[in-house]
Amino acid sequence: MKRRNVIHLLVVTLLLHSCAVPKIAYLQDMQQGETEQVLNDMDIRIRPEDKISILVNSKDLLLMGLFNLPIVSRQINTSSANYTPNQGVSGYTVNKKGDIDFPVLGAVHVAGLTREEIAAHIKDKLITGNLVKDPVVTVEFMNLTVSVLGEVIRPGRINIDKDKLTLLDALSMAGDLTVYGKRDNVLVQREENGKKVHYKVDLNSGKDLYASPVYHLQQNDVVYVEPNAVRARQSTVNGNNVRSTSFWISLASLLTTITVLIIK
């Protein structure tokens, strides 16, 4: 009888160990009402090779036509997965010097500026040059994206359509992490001064997330969610190794059979 109880206890222990559920909660160290300062509150700033649209509105329709690029009509896929709000609108590609070639004004330096700063800069040039008295300038991003890869529901490229895009924004737009994603070791790759720099972020910790230099993402950032140990085990042939759930279930079945034979 004592031998049978020991074997039963071993079986239960093995099953509980093999079925352990990974932690999937975000911001576990944050309490209700607690505040945490974001240390890197960065707007998206334009870089060379970025593409933007600039629309100038005025009461004078002739002037509007003079300072706006033509609307391009073309057949495109307008599905929700591929649609962007600037499709059909001509844009300006920032050259290596950080300039765009704007109608009448010529070369305008925009690299390092936010959308709001570019709009204010062009508006000022139009007014001080006595070109337009009442311009309303609107600037939109066209080809700015971040990539989200790994253990998320919908991996792929995410369009940047606002001045600030957080890591949580990008992950939610990718459908959130799967249950197999490691939330304590999310990798963000960013290009800085011509070099690839890697940052690790622990989504389980609000303090770590909000203090991270990649809490606010920049264009061309790559977010990679690493698979946890459960997913890694599943990638082996049939998942049948010493650390897999199927292995322990098989072992438990064997021990149960042995127990039955001992009892008999």
Protein backbone atom coordinates (compact mmCIF):
# COMPACT_ATOMS: atom_id res chain seq x y z
CA MET A 1 0.00 0.00 0.00
CA LYS A 2 2.79 2.42 0.88
CA ARG A 3 4.51 1.72 -2.45
CA ARG A 4 1.29 2.42 -4.35
CA ASN A 5 0.79 5.77 -2.56
CA VAL A 6 4.35 6.82 -3.36
CA ILE A 7 3.89 6.05 -7.05
CA HIS A 8 0.56 7.92 -7.16
CA LEU A 9 2.21 10.96 -5.55
CA LEU A 10 5.01 10.84 -8.11
CA VAL A 11 2.53 10.73 -10.99
CA VAL A 12 0.57 13.74 -9.68
CA THR A 13 3.78 15.72 -9.12
CA LEU A 14 5.01 15.03 -12.65
CA LEU A 15 1.69 16.03 -14.19
CA LEU A 16 1.51 19.28 -12.25
CA HIS A 17 5.09 20.15 -13.19
CA SER A 18 4.53 19.45 -16.88
CA CYS A 19 1.35 21.55 -17.07
CA ALA A 20 2.74 24.73 -15.49
CA VAL A 21 1.23 27.83 -17.09
CA PRO A 22 3.62 30.64 -18.12
CA LYS A 23 3.04 34.17 -16.81
CA ILE A 24 1.15 36.25 -19.36
CA ALA A 25 0.11 39.35 -17.37
CA TYR A 26 1.49 42.79 -18.26
CA LEU A 27 2.72 45.48 -15.85
CA GLN A 28 2.55 43.19 -12.81
CA ASP A 29 4.44 45.61 -10.56
CA MET A 30 1.97 48.48 -11.06
CA GLN A 31 -0.62 49.15 -8.35
CA GLN A 32 -3.98 50.87 -8.74
CA GLY A 33 -3.56 54.64 -8.80
CA GLU A 34 0.22 54.40 -9.09
CA THR A 35 1.90 56.70 -11.61
CA GLU A 36 5.13 56.16 -13.49
CA GLN A 37 6.97 58.78 -15.53
CA VAL A 38 7.83 58.03 -19.15
CA LEU A 39 11.52 58.89 -19.46
CA ASN A 40 11.73 58.98 -23.26
CA ASP A 41 8.69 60.87 -24.52
CA MET A 42 9.67 61.10 -28.19
CA ASP A 43 7.68 62.25 -31.22
CA ILE A 44 8.34 60.74 -34.64
CA ARG A 45 10.90 62.88 -36.47
CA ILE A 46 11.48 62.77 -40.20
CA ARG A 47 14.62 61.12 -41.57
CA PRO A 48 16.19 60.85 -45.04
CA GLU A 49 14.28 58.44 -47.32
CA ASP A 50 11.03 59.02 -45.41
CA LYS A 51 8.03 60.01 -47.52
CA ILE A 52 5.46 62.60 -46.44
CA SER A 53 2.44 64.31 -47.94
CA ILE A 54 2.00 68.08 -47.57
CA LEU A 55 -1.30 69.77 -48.36
CA VAL A 56 -1.72 73.55 -48.46
CA ASN A 57 -5.25 74.88 -48.12
CA SER A 58 -6.26 78.47 -48.83
CA LYS A 59 -9.30 80.53 -49.73
CA ASP A 60 -7.65 81.11 -53.09
CA LEU A 61 -8.17 77.90 -55.09
CA LEU A 62 -5.56 78.90 -57.69
CA LEU A 63 -2.90 79.16 -55.01
CA MET A 64 -3.92 75.80 -53.60
CA GLY A 65 -3.29 74.20 -56.98
CA LEU A 66 0.08 75.92 -57.24
CA PHE A 67 1.47 74.53 -53.96
CA ASN A 68 -0.09 71.06 -53.94
CA LEU A 69 1.12 68.03 -55.84
CA PRO A 70 -1.45 66.34 -58.10
CA ILE A 71 -3.61 63.48 -56.84
CA VAL A 72 -2.51 60.25 -58.48
CA SER A 73 -5.28 57.94 -59.65
CA ARG A 74 -4.29 54.28 -59.68
CA GLN A 75 -5.78 50.83 -59.14
CA ILE A 76 -4.71 49.48 -55.78
CA ASN A 77 -5.69 46.86 -53.26
CA THR A 78 -7.84 48.68 -50.69
CA SER A 79 -8.24 45.80 -48.27
CA SER A 80 -7.93 46.73 -44.59
CA ALA A 81 -4.59 44.94 -44.34
CA ASN A 82 -2.92 47.05 -47.04
CA TYR A 83 -4.85 50.30 -47.02
CA THR A 84 -3.19 53.50 -45.87
CA PRO A 85 -4.91 56.91 -45.65
CA ASN A 86 -2.47 58.51 -48.12
CA GLN A 87 -3.03 56.14 -51.04
CA GLY A 88 -3.55 58.18 -54.20
CA VAL A 89 -1.84 61.27 -52.74
CA SER A 90 1.52 62.30 -54.17
CA GLY A 91 4.26 62.73 -51.63
CA TYR A 92 7.72 64.15 -51.06
CA THR A 93 10.65 61.80 -50.48
CA VAL A 94 13.28 63.28 -48.18
CA ASN A 95 16.71 63.18 -49.83
CA LYS A 96 20.02 62.26 -48.20
CA LYS A 97 20.58 65.88 -47.20
CA GLY A 98 17.24 65.90 -45.36
CA ASP A 99 15.52 68.21 -47.89
CA ILE A 100 12.39 68.06 -50.01
CA ASP A 101 11.81 69.97 -53.24
CA PHE A 102 8.68 72.02 -52.53
CA PRO A 103 6.83 73.93 -55.28
CA VAL A 104 7.97 77.59 -55.61
CA LEU A 105 9.89 77.43 -52.30
CA GLY A 106 12.50 75.03 -53.66
CA ALA A 107 14.61 73.01 -51.21
CA VAL A 108 13.09 72.88 -47.72
CA HIS A 109 15.00 71.13 -44.92
CA VAL A 110 12.69 68.82 -42.96
CA ALA A 111 14.95 66.11 -41.47
CA GLY A 112 14.81 66.05 -37.68
CA LEU A 113 11.44 67.83 -37.58
CA THR A 114 8.06 66.56 -36.41
CA ARG A 115 4.91 66.85 -38.51
CA GLU A 116 3.81 69.91 -36.56
CA GLU A 117 7.20 71.59 -36.98
CA ILE A 118 7.27 70.92 -40.74
CA ALA A 119 3.77 72.38 -41.14
CA ALA A 120 4.71 75.49 -39.13
CA HIS A 121 7.99 75.90 -41.08
CA ILE A 122 6.30 75.79 -44.50
CA LYS A 123 3.44 78.02 -43.35
CA ASP A 124 5.95 80.61 -42.16
CA LYS A 125 7.80 80.53 -45.50
CA LEU A 126 4.57 80.98 -47.45
CA ILE A 127 3.47 83.95 -45.34
CA THR A 128 6.83 85.73 -45.07
CA GLY A 129 7.37 85.30 -48.81
CA ASN A 130 3.99 86.94 -49.49
CA LEU A 131 2.94 83.83 -51.39
CA VAL A 132 -0.18 82.88 -49.41
CA LYS A 133 -1.89 85.04 -46.81
CA ASP A 134 -3.99 82.43 -45.06
CA PRO A 135 -2.36 79.00 -45.54
CA VAL A 136 -3.41 75.94 -43.60
CA VAL A 137 -0.68 73.31 -43.95
CA THR A 138 -1.28 69.63 -43.19
CA VAL A 139 1.53 67.06 -43.05
CA GLU A 140 0.99 63.28 -43.00
CA PHE A 141 3.33 60.29 -42.90
CA MET A 142 3.27 58.02 -45.95
CA ASN A 143 5.84 55.21 -45.78
CA LEU A 144 6.78 55.18 -42.10
CA THR A 145 6.46 51.72 -40.52
CA VAL A 146 7.68 49.44 -37.75
CA SER A 147 7.93 45.64 -38.03
CA VAL A 148 6.54 43.25 -35.42
CA LEU A 149 7.76 39.65 -35.62
CA GLY A 150 7.68 36.46 -33.59
CA GLU A 151 4.97 35.28 -31.21
CA VAL A 152 2.20 37.75 -32.03
CA ILE A 153 -1.20 37.09 -33.60
CA ARG A 154 -0.58 39.10 -36.80
CA PRO A 155 3.15 39.60 -37.47
CA GLY A 156 4.06 42.13 -40.16
CA ARG A 157 4.65 45.81 -40.83
CA ILE A 158 2.63 48.44 -38.97
CA ASN A 159 1.96 51.87 -40.47
CA ILE A 160 2.79 54.89 -38.32
CA ASP A 161 -0.10 57.33 -38.56
CA LYS A 162 0.45 59.51 -35.49
CA ASP A 163 3.20 61.51 -33.82
CA LYS A 164 3.82 58.98 -31.04
CA LEU A 165 3.72 55.19 -31.37
CA THR A 166 4.39 53.18 -28.22
CA LEU A 167 5.58 49.60 -28.00
CA LEU A 168 2.19 48.64 -26.55
CA ASP A 169 0.46 50.35 -29.50
CA ALA A 170 2.48 48.30 -32.00
CA LEU A 171 1.86 45.03 -30.17
CA SER A 172 -1.89 45.70 -29.94
CA MET A 173 -2.00 46.49 -33.67
CA ALA A 174 -0.29 43.13 -34.24
CA GLY A 175 -3.10 41.43 -32.34
CA ASP A 176 -1.19 41.14 -29.02
CA LEU A 177 1.26 38.42 -28.02
CA THR A 178 0.23 34.80 -28.23
CA VAL A 179 0.23 32.77 -25.00
CA TYR A 180 3.60 31.43 -26.15
CA GLY A 181 5.35 34.82 -26.31
CA LYS A 182 7.96 35.75 -23.69
CA ARG A 183 6.70 38.94 -22.15
CA ASP A 184 9.78 39.47 -20.01
CA ASN A 185 12.28 39.57 -22.89
CA VAL A 186 10.87 41.49 -25.90
CA LEU A 187 13.59 42.63 -28.30
CA VAL A 188 13.53 45.97 -30.12
CA GLN A 189 16.13 46.63 -32.83
CA ARG A 190 16.79 50.26 -33.75
CA GLU A 191 19.27 51.92 -36.09
CA GLU A 192 21.29 54.64 -34.38
CA ASN A 193 24.13 56.48 -36.11
CA GLY A 194 24.37 53.82 -38.78
CA LYS A 195 24.53 50.91 -36.30
CA LYS A 196 21.95 48.36 -35.19
CA VAL A 197 21.28 48.72 -31.47
CA HIS A 198 19.27 46.13 -29.52
CA TYR A 199 17.13 46.78 -26.47
CA LYS A 200 15.35 44.27 -24.22
CA VAL A 201 12.05 45.15 -22.55
CA ASP A 202 10.20 43.36 -19.75
CA LEU A 203 6.47 43.85 -20.36
CA ASN A 204 5.72 42.29 -16.97
CA SER A 205 7.28 45.36 -15.35
CA GLY A 206 5.72 48.79 -15.85
CA LYS A 207 8.78 50.45 -14.35
CA ASP A 208 11.05 48.74 -16.88
CA LEU A 209 8.73 49.47 -19.82
CA TYR A 210 8.19 53.18 -19.13
CA ALA A 211 11.91 53.76 -18.47
CA SER A 212 12.97 52.05 -21.69
CA PRO A 213 14.37 54.16 -24.56
CA VAL A 214 12.17 52.13 -26.92
CA TYR A 215 8.86 52.67 -25.12
CA HIS A 216 8.16 55.14 -27.92
CA LEU A 217 9.04 53.47 -31.21
CA GLN A 218 10.66 55.16 -34.21
CA GLN A 219 10.27 54.42 -37.91
CA ASN A 220 12.03 51.24 -39.09
CA ASP A 221 12.21 49.76 -35.57
CA VAL A 222 11.89 45.97 -35.45
CA VAL A 223 10.04 44.36 -32.53
CA TYR A 224 10.67 40.64 -31.96
CA VAL A 225 8.75 38.54 -29.45
CA GLU A 226 10.72 35.46 -28.48
CA PRO A 227 8.88 32.12 -28.05
CA ASN A 228 8.76 30.73 -24.54
CA ALA A 229 9.97 27.27 -23.49
CA VAL A 230 6.61 25.65 -24.27
CA ARG A 231 6.70 26.82 -27.90
CA ALA A 232 10.37 25.89 -28.18
CA ARG A 233 9.59 22.35 -27.08
CA GLN A 234 6.78 22.14 -29.63
CA SER A 235 9.27 22.92 -32.38
CA THR A 236 11.06 19.60 -31.82
CA VAL A 237 9.93 16.47 -33.66
CA ASN A 238 6.44 15.78 -32.24
CA GLY A 239 7.51 17.79 -29.19
CA ASN A 240 8.65 14.46 -27.77
CA ASN A 241 11.66 15.19 -25.59
CA VAL A 242 12.36 14.99 -21.88
CA ARG A 243 10.94 18.49 -21.28
CA SER A 244 7.75 18.12 -23.31
CA THR A 245 4.26 17.63 -21.89
CA SER A 246 3.69 14.57 -24.06
CA PHE A 247 6.80 12.95 -22.61
CA TRP A 248 5.62 13.38 -19.03
CA ILE A 249 2.10 12.18 -19.89
CA SER A 250 3.61 9.06 -21.45
CA LEU A 251 5.76 8.53 -18.39
CA ALA A 252 2.78 9.02 -16.09
CA SER A 253 0.82 6.46 -18.11
CA LEU A 254 3.70 4.01 -17.80
CA LEU A 255 3.90 4.52 -14.04
CA THR A 256 0.16 4.04 -13.71
CA THR A 257 0.44 0.76 -15.62
CA ILE A 258 3.26 -0.35 -13.32
CA THR A 259 1.15 0.56 -10.28
CA VAL A 260 -1.75 -1.56 -11.56
CA LEU A 261 0.60 -4.50 -12.13
CA ILE A 262 2.05 -4.13 -8.60
CA ILE A 263 -1.41 -4.09 -7.06
CA LYS A 264 -2.32 -7.25 -8.89
